[in-house]
Protein backbone atom coordinates (compact mmCIF):
# COMPACT_ATOMS: atom_id res chain seq x y z
CA MET A 1 -47.91 15.79 -22.06
CA THR A 2 -49.88 16.99 -19.12
CA ASP A 3 -49.61 17.64 -15.43
CA GLY A 4 -53.30 17.52 -14.76
CA ALA A 5 -56.33 15.73 -16.19
CA ALA A 6 -55.95 12.52 -18.12
CA GLY A 7 -54.25 13.18 -21.42
CA TYR A 8 -54.55 9.68 -22.88
CA ASP A 9 -56.73 6.64 -22.64
CA VAL A 10 -53.69 4.33 -22.58
CA LEU A 11 -50.07 5.01 -21.72
CA VAL A 12 -47.63 2.35 -22.98
CA LEU A 13 -44.37 2.64 -21.07
CA GLY A 14 -41.54 1.03 -23.04
CA GLY A 15 -41.16 0.99 -26.82
CA GLY A 16 -39.54 -2.39 -27.23
CA VAL A 17 -41.03 -5.42 -28.95
CA ALA A 18 -44.14 -5.64 -26.74
CA GLY A 19 -44.64 -1.88 -26.58
CA CYS A 20 -44.66 -1.52 -30.37
CA VAL A 21 -47.30 -4.24 -30.64
CA LEU A 22 -49.47 -2.65 -27.95
CA ALA A 23 -49.27 0.85 -29.39
CA ALA A 24 -50.10 -0.33 -32.90
CA ARG A 25 -52.94 -2.66 -32.00
CA LEU A 26 -54.64 -0.45 -29.41
CA SER A 27 -54.48 2.65 -31.63
CA GLU A 28 -56.39 0.78 -34.35
CA ASP A 29 -59.45 1.97 -32.42
CA PRO A 30 -59.74 5.64 -33.51
CA ASP A 31 -61.67 6.47 -30.34
CA ARG A 32 -58.79 5.38 -28.07
CA THR A 33 -55.87 7.77 -27.52
CA VAL A 34 -52.55 5.99 -27.01
CA CYS A 35 -49.13 7.33 -26.01
CA LEU A 36 -45.99 5.20 -26.44
CA VAL A 37 -42.96 6.22 -24.37
CA GLU A 38 -39.45 4.93 -25.14
CA ALA A 39 -36.25 5.66 -23.18
CA GLY A 40 -34.06 5.45 -26.27
CA PRO A 41 -34.17 7.36 -29.53
CA ASP A 42 -36.93 7.17 -32.09
CA PHE A 43 -35.13 7.52 -35.40
CA GLY A 44 -38.39 8.26 -37.17
CA PRO A 45 -40.50 6.83 -39.97
CA ASP A 46 -37.81 7.09 -42.66
CA ARG A 47 -35.63 3.98 -42.48
CA ARG A 48 -32.80 5.83 -44.19
CA ALA A 49 -32.42 7.92 -41.03
CA TRP A 50 -31.75 4.89 -38.86
CA PRO A 51 -28.15 4.01 -37.92
CA ALA A 52 -26.42 1.61 -40.31
CA GLY A 53 -25.55 -0.71 -37.43
CA VAL A 54 -29.18 -1.08 -36.40
CA LEU A 55 -30.14 -1.90 -39.98
CA ASN A 56 -27.32 -4.42 -40.53
CA ALA A 57 -28.77 -7.89 -39.95
CA ARG A 58 -25.37 -9.55 -40.43
CA ALA A 59 -24.01 -8.23 -37.12
CA LEU A 60 -25.10 -7.64 -33.53
CA PRO A 61 -24.87 -3.86 -32.99
CA ARG A 62 -23.94 -2.69 -29.51
CA GLU A 63 -24.28 1.09 -29.82
CA GLU A 64 -27.98 1.59 -28.97
CA VAL A 65 -27.93 -0.29 -25.67
CA TRP A 66 -28.55 0.59 -22.04
CA GLU A 67 -25.01 -0.02 -20.80
CA ARG A 68 -22.03 -0.06 -23.14
CA GLY A 69 -19.28 -2.40 -22.07
CA ALA A 70 -21.49 -4.16 -19.52
CA ALA A 71 -21.47 -7.89 -18.84
CA ALA A 72 -23.01 -9.81 -21.73
CA HIS A 73 -26.09 -10.91 -19.79
CA ARG A 74 -27.06 -7.26 -19.23
CA ILE A 75 -27.17 -6.27 -22.92
CA ARG A 76 -30.55 -4.91 -24.04
CA GLY A 77 -31.61 -2.47 -26.71
CA ARG A 78 -32.35 1.15 -25.88
CA LEU A 79 -34.18 2.47 -28.93
CA LEU A 80 -37.64 2.31 -30.41
CA GLY A 81 -38.12 -1.35 -31.24
CA GLY A 82 -36.02 -2.41 -28.23
CA SER A 83 -33.86 -5.47 -28.59
CA SER A 84 -35.44 -6.29 -31.96
CA GLY A 85 -33.06 -3.56 -33.18
CA ILE A 86 -29.90 -5.26 -31.95
CA ASN A 87 -30.59 -9.01 -31.95
CA GLY A 88 -29.90 -11.81 -34.42
CA CYS A 89 -33.35 -11.60 -36.11
CA TRP A 90 -34.10 -15.22 -35.13
CA ASN A 91 -37.62 -16.34 -34.35
CA THR A 92 -38.43 -19.79 -32.98
CA TRP A 93 -41.33 -21.17 -30.96
CA GLY A 94 -41.49 -23.11 -27.71
CA SER A 95 -42.82 -26.52 -26.78
CA GLU A 96 -46.17 -27.84 -25.62
CA ALA A 97 -44.60 -28.21 -22.17
CA ASP A 98 -43.80 -24.47 -22.12
CA HIS A 99 -47.39 -23.51 -22.86
CA ALA A 100 -48.77 -26.03 -20.38
CA ALA A 101 -46.62 -24.46 -17.65
CA TRP A 102 -47.85 -20.98 -18.57
CA ALA A 103 -51.48 -22.12 -18.66
CA ARG A 104 -51.18 -23.51 -15.13
CA ARG A 105 -50.18 -20.02 -13.98
CA GLY A 106 -52.19 -17.81 -16.31
CA GLY A 107 -55.19 -19.76 -17.54
CA PRO A 108 -56.26 -21.36 -20.82
CA ARG A 109 -55.44 -18.39 -23.06
CA TRP A 110 -51.75 -19.32 -22.63
CA THR A 111 -52.03 -22.79 -24.18
CA ALA A 112 -50.33 -23.40 -27.51
CA THR A 113 -53.71 -23.79 -29.20
CA ALA A 114 -55.11 -20.56 -27.79
CA MET A 115 -51.98 -18.58 -28.67
CA GLU A 116 -51.79 -19.91 -32.22
CA PRO A 117 -53.81 -17.05 -33.82
CA PHE A 118 -51.53 -14.53 -32.14
CA ARG A 119 -48.40 -16.39 -33.23
CA LEU A 120 -49.70 -16.25 -36.79
CA ALA A 121 -50.54 -12.54 -36.46
CA ALA A 122 -47.00 -11.80 -35.28
CA VAL A 123 -45.44 -13.88 -38.06
CA SER A 124 -47.51 -11.98 -40.62
CA ARG A 125 -46.95 -8.50 -39.20
CA MET A 126 -43.20 -8.97 -38.80
CA GLY A 127 -42.97 -10.51 -42.26
CA LEU A 128 -41.06 -13.49 -40.90
CA ARG A 129 -39.54 -15.63 -43.62
CA GLU A 130 -37.56 -18.79 -44.18
CA VAL A 131 -33.79 -18.60 -44.62
CA PRO A 132 -33.11 -18.11 -48.35
CA GLU A 133 -30.68 -20.53 -49.90
CA SER A 134 -28.35 -17.69 -50.85
CA GLU A 135 -27.64 -17.08 -47.14
CA PHE A 136 -26.32 -20.58 -46.48
CA SER A 137 -22.56 -20.75 -46.27
CA LEU A 138 -20.47 -23.87 -46.68
CA TRP A 139 -20.56 -24.11 -42.89
CA SER A 140 -24.35 -23.80 -42.57
CA GLY A 141 -24.95 -26.49 -45.16
CA ALA A 142 -22.46 -28.81 -43.51
CA ALA A 143 -24.05 -28.19 -40.11
CA LEU A 144 -27.44 -29.25 -41.46
CA ALA A 145 -25.86 -32.45 -42.75
CA ALA A 146 -24.10 -32.97 -39.41
CA ALA A 147 -27.42 -32.79 -37.55
CA ALA A 148 -28.92 -35.36 -39.88
CA GLU A 149 -25.89 -37.61 -39.26
CA LEU A 150 -26.74 -37.60 -35.56
CA GLY A 151 -30.21 -38.91 -36.34
CA TYR A 152 -32.22 -35.72 -36.03
CA GLY A 153 -35.11 -35.10 -38.42
CA ARG A 154 -36.02 -31.78 -39.97
CA VAL A 155 -38.59 -29.72 -38.04
CA ASP A 156 -40.31 -26.35 -38.39
CA MET A 157 -38.66 -24.09 -35.81
CA GLY A 158 -41.49 -21.56 -35.97
CA THR A 159 -44.15 -23.87 -34.50
CA VAL A 160 -44.73 -26.27 -31.64
CA GLY A 161 -43.09 -29.58 -32.46
CA GLY A 162 -40.40 -31.87 -31.17
CA PRO A 163 -36.63 -32.30 -31.24
CA GLY A 164 -34.91 -31.93 -34.60
CA TYR A 165 -32.90 -29.59 -36.76
CA GLY A 166 -33.94 -26.71 -38.96
CA THR A 167 -33.71 -23.01 -39.61
CA PRO A 168 -35.24 -20.08 -37.73
CA LEU A 169 -37.75 -17.65 -39.14
CA LEU A 170 -36.05 -14.34 -39.90
CA ASN A 171 -37.11 -10.72 -39.54
CA ALA A 172 -34.44 -9.61 -41.99
CA PHE A 173 -34.57 -8.90 -45.72
CA ASP A 174 -31.47 -8.70 -47.93
CA GLY A 175 -29.31 -8.06 -44.91
CA VAL A 176 -31.58 -5.37 -43.41
CA ARG A 177 -32.95 -5.91 -39.89
CA HIS A 178 -36.74 -5.45 -39.92
CA ASN A 179 -37.36 -4.51 -36.30
CA ALA A 180 -40.65 -4.25 -34.41
CA ALA A 181 -40.82 -0.46 -34.86
CA PHE A 182 -40.75 -0.89 -38.63
CA ALA A 183 -43.26 -3.75 -38.62
CA TYR A 184 -45.81 -2.32 -36.21
CA LEU A 185 -45.44 1.46 -36.20
CA GLU A 186 -44.80 2.54 -39.78
CA GLU A 187 -48.50 2.50 -40.61
CA ALA A 188 -49.64 3.46 -37.11
CA ARG A 189 -47.55 6.64 -36.89
CA SER A 190 -49.97 8.52 -39.13
CA ARG A 191 -52.89 7.96 -36.76
CA PRO A 192 -53.92 11.15 -34.94
CA ASN A 193 -54.75 9.15 -31.81
CA LEU A 194 -51.19 7.78 -31.42
CA THR A 195 -48.36 9.76 -29.85
CA VAL A 196 -44.80 8.38 -29.86
CA ILE A 197 -42.27 9.96 -27.50
CA GLY A 198 -38.61 8.97 -27.69
CA ASP A 199 -35.69 9.76 -25.37
CA ALA A 200 -38.04 9.72 -22.37
CA THR A 201 -36.91 7.56 -19.46
CA VAL A 202 -39.61 6.28 -17.13
CA ASP A 203 -38.73 7.14 -13.55
CA ARG A 204 -41.73 5.74 -11.68
CA LEU A 205 -45.47 5.56 -11.47
CA ASP A 206 -47.46 7.63 -9.01
CA ILE A 207 -49.33 4.87 -7.14
CA ARG A 208 -51.90 5.89 -4.57
CA GLY A 209 -54.72 3.83 -3.16
CA GLY A 210 -54.02 0.93 -5.48
CA ARG A 211 -54.30 3.07 -8.59
CA ALA A 212 -51.75 4.65 -10.95
CA HIS A 213 -52.32 8.39 -11.16
CA GLY A 214 -49.47 9.30 -13.48
CA ALA A 215 -46.09 8.30 -14.89
CA LEU A 216 -43.07 10.43 -14.12
CA VAL A 217 -40.60 10.54 -17.03
CA GLU A 218 -37.34 12.32 -17.72
CA LEU A 219 -37.60 14.21 -21.02
CA ASP A 220 -35.37 16.99 -22.35
CA GLY A 221 -33.66 17.28 -18.99
CA ARG A 222 -36.96 17.86 -17.20
CA ARG A 223 -39.28 15.65 -15.21
CA ARG A 224 -42.71 15.45 -16.78
CA THR A 225 -45.89 13.70 -15.67
CA LEU A 226 -47.90 11.76 -18.22
CA VAL A 227 -51.42 10.87 -17.18
CA ALA A 228 -53.83 8.29 -18.60
CA ASP A 229 -56.77 6.12 -17.67
CA SER A 230 -54.74 2.90 -17.89
CA TYR A 231 -51.04 2.12 -17.86
CA LEU A 232 -49.25 -0.71 -19.66
CA LEU A 233 -45.71 -1.34 -18.45
CA ALA A 234 -43.53 -2.86 -21.19
CA CYS A 235 -40.00 -1.98 -20.11
CA GLY A 236 -38.72 -5.55 -20.34
CA THR A 237 -37.45 -8.16 -17.93
CA PHE A 238 -34.93 -5.79 -16.36
CA GLY A 239 -36.78 -2.50 -16.75
CA SER A 240 -40.33 -3.38 -15.70
CA PRO A 241 -39.46 -4.65 -12.20
CA ALA A 242 -37.18 -1.66 -11.70
CA VAL A 243 -40.00 0.77 -12.53
CA LEU A 244 -42.40 -1.11 -10.26
CA MET A 245 -39.95 -1.05 -7.35
CA ARG A 246 -39.24 2.66 -7.77
CA SER A 247 -43.02 3.10 -7.70
CA GLY A 248 -43.36 1.30 -4.36
CA ILE A 249 -44.47 -2.06 -5.76
CA GLY A 250 -42.14 -4.88 -4.78
CA PRO A 251 -40.47 -6.55 -1.79
CA ALA A 252 -41.26 -4.19 1.09
CA ASP A 253 -37.97 -4.72 2.96
CA HIS A 254 -35.92 -3.97 -0.16
CA LEU A 255 -37.94 -0.84 -0.87
CA LEU A 256 -37.62 0.45 2.67
CA ASP A 257 -33.84 -0.06 2.53
CA LEU A 258 -33.81 2.26 -0.50
CA GLY A 259 -36.08 4.85 1.07
CA VAL A 260 -39.06 3.97 -1.13
CA ARG A 261 -42.45 3.86 0.55
CA PRO A 262 -44.11 0.49 -0.16
CA GLU A 263 -47.50 0.78 -1.85
CA ALA A 264 -47.89 -2.95 -2.47
CA ASP A 265 -45.69 -5.63 -0.88
CA LEU A 266 -45.09 -7.99 -3.80
CA PRO A 267 -42.00 -10.11 -3.08
CA GLY A 268 -42.08 -11.59 -6.60
CA VAL A 269 -41.13 -8.30 -8.26
CA GLY A 270 -37.56 -8.74 -9.49
CA ALA A 271 -37.44 -12.38 -8.41
CA ASN A 272 -37.66 -15.47 -10.63
CA LEU A 273 -35.21 -14.17 -13.28
CA ALA A 274 -34.63 -16.94 -15.81
CA ASP A 275 -32.27 -16.84 -18.77
CA GLN A 276 -30.64 -19.42 -21.02
CA PRO A 277 -26.95 -20.05 -20.22
CA GLY A 278 -24.63 -21.81 -22.61
CA VAL A 279 -21.05 -22.62 -23.48
CA PHE A 280 -19.34 -21.98 -26.80
CA VAL A 281 -16.94 -24.71 -27.92
CA PRO A 282 -14.36 -23.13 -30.26
CA LEU A 283 -13.08 -25.10 -33.24
CA ARG A 284 -10.14 -24.46 -35.55
CA SER A 285 -11.20 -23.36 -39.03
CA THR A 286 -9.43 -25.09 -41.91
CA ASP A 287 -8.06 -23.20 -44.90
CA GLU A 288 -10.99 -24.52 -46.94
CA LEU A 289 -13.54 -23.08 -44.53
CA ASN A 290 -11.74 -19.74 -44.22
CA ALA A 291 -11.60 -19.39 -48.00
CA ALA A 292 -15.27 -20.26 -48.40
CA LEU A 293 -16.32 -17.78 -45.70
CA ALA A 294 -14.11 -15.05 -47.18
CA ALA A 295 -15.78 -15.52 -50.56
CA LYS A 296 -19.21 -15.41 -48.95
CA GLU A 297 -18.32 -12.24 -47.08
CA ALA A 298 -17.03 -10.64 -50.28
CA ASP A 299 -20.42 -11.32 -51.86
CA GLY A 300 -22.15 -9.64 -48.89
CA ASP A 301 -24.00 -12.78 -47.83
CA LEU A 302 -22.05 -14.08 -44.82
CA TYR A 303 -24.08 -14.88 -41.72
CA VAL A 304 -22.48 -16.61 -38.75
CA SER A 305 -25.33 -19.09 -38.42
CA ARG A 306 -28.47 -20.08 -40.24
CA MET A 307 -29.45 -23.35 -38.50
CA LEU A 308 -29.91 -24.92 -35.09
CA VAL A 309 -30.78 -28.20 -33.41
CA ARG A 310 -33.50 -28.72 -30.82
CA ALA A 311 -32.00 -31.45 -28.67
CA ALA A 312 -33.21 -33.46 -25.70
CA GLY A 313 -30.64 -33.49 -22.93
CA ALA A 314 -30.75 -34.71 -19.35
CA PHE A 315 -34.10 -34.33 -17.52
CA CYS A 316 -35.94 -33.55 -20.76
CA PRO A 317 -39.68 -34.38 -20.95
CA ASP A 318 -40.70 -36.93 -23.56
CA ASP A 319 -41.14 -35.61 -27.10
CA SER A 320 -39.66 -32.25 -26.17
CA TRP A 321 -36.27 -30.54 -26.09
CA ASN A 322 -34.32 -28.57 -23.52
CA LEU A 323 -31.23 -27.63 -25.54
CA HIS A 324 -30.39 -25.53 -28.55
CA ILE A 325 -27.23 -26.64 -30.32
CA LEU A 326 -25.98 -23.71 -32.37
CA PRO A 327 -23.11 -24.06 -34.90
CA VAL A 328 -21.55 -20.73 -35.93
CA ALA A 329 -18.77 -19.62 -38.26
CA GLY A 330 -17.91 -16.09 -39.30
CA PRO A 331 -16.41 -12.90 -37.87
CA PRO A 332 -15.90 -13.24 -34.10
CA LEU A 333 -18.67 -11.88 -31.91
CA PHE A 334 -16.09 -10.52 -29.46
CA GLY A 335 -12.58 -9.45 -30.43
CA LYS A 336 -10.92 -9.63 -33.84
CA LEU A 337 -9.06 -12.07 -36.07
CA PRO A 338 -6.59 -11.36 -38.90
CA PRO A 339 -8.13 -10.80 -42.36
CA GLY A 340 -9.15 -14.04 -44.03
CA GLN A 341 -9.55 -15.94 -40.74
CA TYR A 342 -12.87 -16.70 -39.11
CA GLU A 343 -14.20 -17.96 -35.82
CA ALA A 344 -15.95 -21.33 -35.85
CA GLY A 345 -17.54 -23.35 -33.10
CA ILE A 346 -20.69 -24.82 -31.65
CA SER A 347 -22.66 -23.63 -28.62
CA ALA A 348 -24.95 -25.59 -26.32
CA PHE A 349 -27.66 -23.55 -24.57
CA VAL A 350 -29.83 -24.71 -21.67
CA MET A 351 -33.32 -23.70 -22.79
CA ASN A 352 -35.50 -24.43 -19.72
CA PRO A 353 -33.22 -23.67 -16.77
CA VAL A 354 -34.27 -24.44 -13.21
CA SER A 355 -31.91 -21.85 -11.73
CA ARG A 356 -33.26 -18.42 -10.90
CA GLY A 357 -31.68 -15.01 -10.48
CA THR A 358 -32.86 -11.58 -9.38
CA VAL A 359 -33.16 -7.94 -10.41
CA ARG A 360 -32.78 -5.47 -7.58
CA LEU A 361 -32.40 -1.71 -7.36
CA THR A 362 -29.11 -0.17 -6.29
CA SER A 363 -30.81 3.18 -5.75
CA ALA A 364 -34.20 4.81 -6.05
CA ASP A 365 -32.63 7.00 -8.74
CA SER A 366 -33.72 5.87 -12.21
CA ALA A 367 -30.26 6.73 -13.57
CA ALA A 368 -28.65 4.04 -11.40
CA PRO A 369 -28.33 0.68 -13.19
CA PRO A 370 -30.09 -2.18 -11.44
CA ARG A 371 -28.22 -5.08 -9.85
CA ILE A 372 -28.81 -8.06 -12.12
CA ASP A 373 -27.82 -11.52 -10.92
CA PRO A 374 -28.66 -14.09 -13.64
CA GLY A 375 -28.18 -16.97 -11.22
CA PHE A 376 -26.80 -19.25 -13.94
CA LEU A 377 -26.27 -22.90 -12.88
CA THR A 378 -27.18 -22.20 -9.23
CA ASP A 379 -29.95 -24.76 -8.71
CA GLU A 380 -29.12 -26.92 -5.69
CA ASP A 381 -29.66 -30.24 -7.46
CA GLY A 382 -27.32 -29.40 -10.33
CA ARG A 383 -29.92 -30.13 -13.01
CA ASP A 384 -28.92 -27.22 -15.24
CA LEU A 385 -25.27 -28.27 -15.12
CA ALA A 386 -26.24 -31.82 -16.07
CA VAL A 387 -28.33 -30.56 -19.00
CA LEU A 388 -25.42 -28.39 -20.16
CA ARG A 389 -22.98 -31.29 -20.01
CA SER A 390 -25.34 -33.47 -22.05
CA GLY A 391 -25.49 -30.67 -24.62
CA LEU A 392 -21.72 -30.45 -24.79
CA GLU A 393 -21.56 -34.17 -25.49
CA ILE A 394 -23.83 -33.58 -28.50
CA VAL A 395 -21.54 -30.73 -29.59
CA GLU A 396 -18.52 -33.06 -29.43
CA ARG A 397 -20.22 -35.71 -31.55
CA MET A 398 -21.44 -33.16 -34.06
CA ALA A 399 -17.99 -31.62 -34.51
CA ALA A 400 -16.39 -35.05 -34.97
CA GLY A 401 -18.87 -36.24 -37.64
CA THR A 402 -18.01 -36.63 -41.28
CA ALA A 403 -19.97 -33.52 -42.36
CA LEU A 404 -18.01 -31.00 -40.25
CA LYS A 405 -14.67 -32.76 -39.80
CA PRO A 406 -13.21 -31.54 -43.14
CA LEU A 407 -13.96 -27.93 -42.17
CA VAL A 408 -12.81 -27.68 -38.56
CA GLY A 409 -10.48 -29.29 -36.10
CA PRO A 410 -10.53 -29.31 -32.32
CA VAL A 411 -8.82 -26.60 -30.34
CA HIS A 412 -6.11 -28.06 -28.12
CA GLY A 413 -7.23 -28.73 -24.57
CA ARG A 414 -9.71 -30.85 -22.66
CA PRO A 415 -13.12 -31.43 -24.29
CA ALA A 416 -15.66 -29.00 -22.87
CA GLN A 417 -17.84 -31.72 -21.34
CA ASP A 418 -14.82 -32.90 -19.30
CA LEU A 419 -14.12 -29.50 -17.73
CA SER A 420 -14.67 -28.99 -14.03
CA ASP A 421 -17.82 -27.28 -12.81
CA GLN A 422 -15.76 -24.22 -11.98
CA ASP A 423 -14.21 -24.05 -15.45
CA LEU A 424 -17.57 -24.50 -17.14
CA ARG A 425 -19.05 -21.68 -15.10
CA ALA A 426 -16.10 -19.48 -16.08
CA ARG A 427 -16.91 -20.05 -19.76
CA LEU A 428 -20.66 -19.43 -19.54
CA GLY A 429 -22.35 -17.19 -22.02
CA THR A 430 -26.00 -16.32 -22.54
CA TYR A 431 -28.58 -16.64 -25.28
CA TRP A 432 -30.01 -13.22 -24.24
CA HIS A 433 -33.56 -14.37 -23.46
CA PRO A 434 -34.33 -13.23 -19.88
CA VAL A 435 -37.89 -13.56 -18.54
CA GLY A 436 -39.83 -13.92 -15.33
CA THR A 437 -39.24 -10.92 -13.07
CA CYS A 438 -42.93 -9.90 -12.98
CA ALA A 439 -44.23 -13.44 -13.29
CA MET A 440 -47.89 -14.24 -13.72
CA GLY A 441 -49.46 -16.68 -11.32
CA THR A 442 -52.59 -17.83 -9.57
CA ALA A 443 -54.23 -15.98 -6.68
CA ASP A 444 -52.65 -18.34 -4.12
CA ASP A 445 -49.10 -17.92 -5.47
CA PRO A 446 -47.25 -15.58 -3.07
CA LEU A 447 -44.63 -14.72 -5.72
CA ALA A 448 -47.06 -13.89 -8.52
CA VAL A 449 -46.87 -10.26 -9.64
CA VAL A 450 -49.58 -10.28 -12.31
CA ASP A 451 -52.51 -12.48 -13.23
CA GLY A 452 -52.98 -14.19 -16.59
CA GLU A 453 -54.23 -10.91 -18.06
CA GLY A 454 -51.15 -8.94 -17.00
CA ARG A 455 -52.92 -7.02 -14.20
CA VAL A 456 -50.60 -6.07 -11.36
CA ARG A 457 -51.77 -7.34 -7.98
CA GLY A 458 -53.13 -4.66 -5.71
CA THR A 459 -53.75 -2.17 -8.53
CA THR A 460 -56.77 -1.40 -10.68
CA ASN A 461 -55.40 0.25 -13.84
CA LEU A 462 -51.87 -1.13 -14.27
CA ARG A 463 -50.68 -4.08 -16.34
CA VAL A 464 -47.29 -5.51 -17.26
CA VAL A 465 -47.07 -6.77 -20.83
CA ASP A 466 -43.63 -8.05 -21.80
CA ALA A 467 -41.28 -11.00 -21.29
CA SER A 468 -41.13 -10.36 -17.55
CA VAL A 469 -44.61 -11.89 -17.06
CA LEU A 470 -43.53 -15.32 -18.34
CA PRO A 471 -42.95 -17.51 -15.26
CA THR A 472 -40.62 -19.84 -17.20
CA VAL A 473 -38.40 -19.23 -20.19
CA PRO A 474 -39.61 -21.14 -23.26
CA ALA A 475 -37.40 -23.58 -25.18
CA ALA A 476 -37.11 -20.92 -27.86
CA ASN A 477 -35.70 -17.55 -28.80
CA THR A 478 -38.10 -15.23 -27.01
CA GLN A 479 -38.83 -12.56 -29.65
CA LEU A 480 -41.69 -14.46 -31.32
CA PRO A 481 -43.30 -15.55 -28.01
CA VAL A 482 -43.19 -11.96 -26.74
CA LEU A 483 -44.70 -10.65 -29.97
CA ALA A 484 -47.48 -13.23 -29.62
CA LEU A 485 -48.19 -12.53 -25.94
CA ALA A 486 -48.40 -8.81 -26.69
CA GLU A 487 -50.76 -9.52 -29.58
CA MET A 488 -52.88 -11.69 -27.29
CA LEU A 489 -53.08 -9.22 -24.40
CA ALA A 490 -53.68 -6.31 -26.78
CA ASP A 491 -56.62 -8.24 -28.19
CA LEU A 492 -57.90 -8.81 -24.66
CA ILE A 493 -57.60 -5.12 -23.76
CA ARG A 494 -59.34 -4.07 -26.99
CA GLY A 495 -62.27 -6.29 -26.06
CA GLU A 496 -62.69 -4.65 -22.65
CA ARG A 497 -63.73 -1.32 -24.09
């Protein structure tokens, strides 16, 4: 750490999924000094020192997060490895339509073909694997059969393809979550040119004359300045726009209201927030299902879900999908049930929403949580609501089929697809895949924050490299796409030297 001359060649701000990739790949060059800064704890190279909850791939831990008890759509990991330390370890890939949309904004390197080597690199480095047969419960097997009953064919969820059913790729082994810090940093930590700093919150960047001259961080109760030749912001869809705005890069009117001097008037910073809303349809578990799940849990192999369906709902492009249908059965995600009873149901998630939300600062103080409005189901034409309703119709048919009917019964009340718009909105959940708040775009796009290489408009040595640069959310769980984009941009940066 330094208050004067450049201490590092590259400063990576944010130790989540993208940050771990960047730090590992860029430090492969022994002549490049790299510093990785993470707001949460770094539990070190010995996995035995990591919290049991973070290691447990059978649950969704909520201890190492930014805001405990916050609304579900705000949940994000605060530890080295980021949300790869608290998520469901699922990895799926988006559609050709997703990549075509990105390529229109960021250039040909964002096509599915161009990104394929980086997808493969991420799959290899994370050790992603197929779901082993031992992890299928009675419910998971029946859900696969139920999807086939509806006419879906089996597809590979880890590649570009079409609608169908299948299983995700997992970054978990024998119930242990293999997060991005394990996959990318275990070997890299021994490199003398890599520094990893945990428990250091990024306050802002010192931007002057279109150039970053330092990063102000809170560490050990003191404000320190870290200086480098180039800065890579990887604080995530909520964190990266917040850091930019505190640094004077963002909508000028909003910054002035907060007492922040604008350095670059970029109205797209914090705009264009896209996430995947959904509704969970609860079902009543039969005694047979409860007994089977209890036995599976006693054996230590109970997972709430091990399969999904890519489905084409309303407004879906040909040969694509815009829904994930997700059957689950196991311990409840929220709340508790008596011993021997389990929660069962099926969710429908809108994968390519039209609606957009925002991230805005509530204060120039980095300790103040941002104001996050997910904007779920707010598009004026009601397309997202129509897609959701078409997904709920698929859920209803799946639950009523011969494969699942012996295991569950309907919960009393109106079918979900018949609920009013207001009631549906009241039941909305999220798939936890926000993107878009520092979206890439072409030079004539007034809301673009970065170009296709992650470079922040109006600056010369600052990039954003995380999910926030994606202008649209892919029809996928976003961990694998973010790993791949970080691999791709790290490769680009390595080639510039």
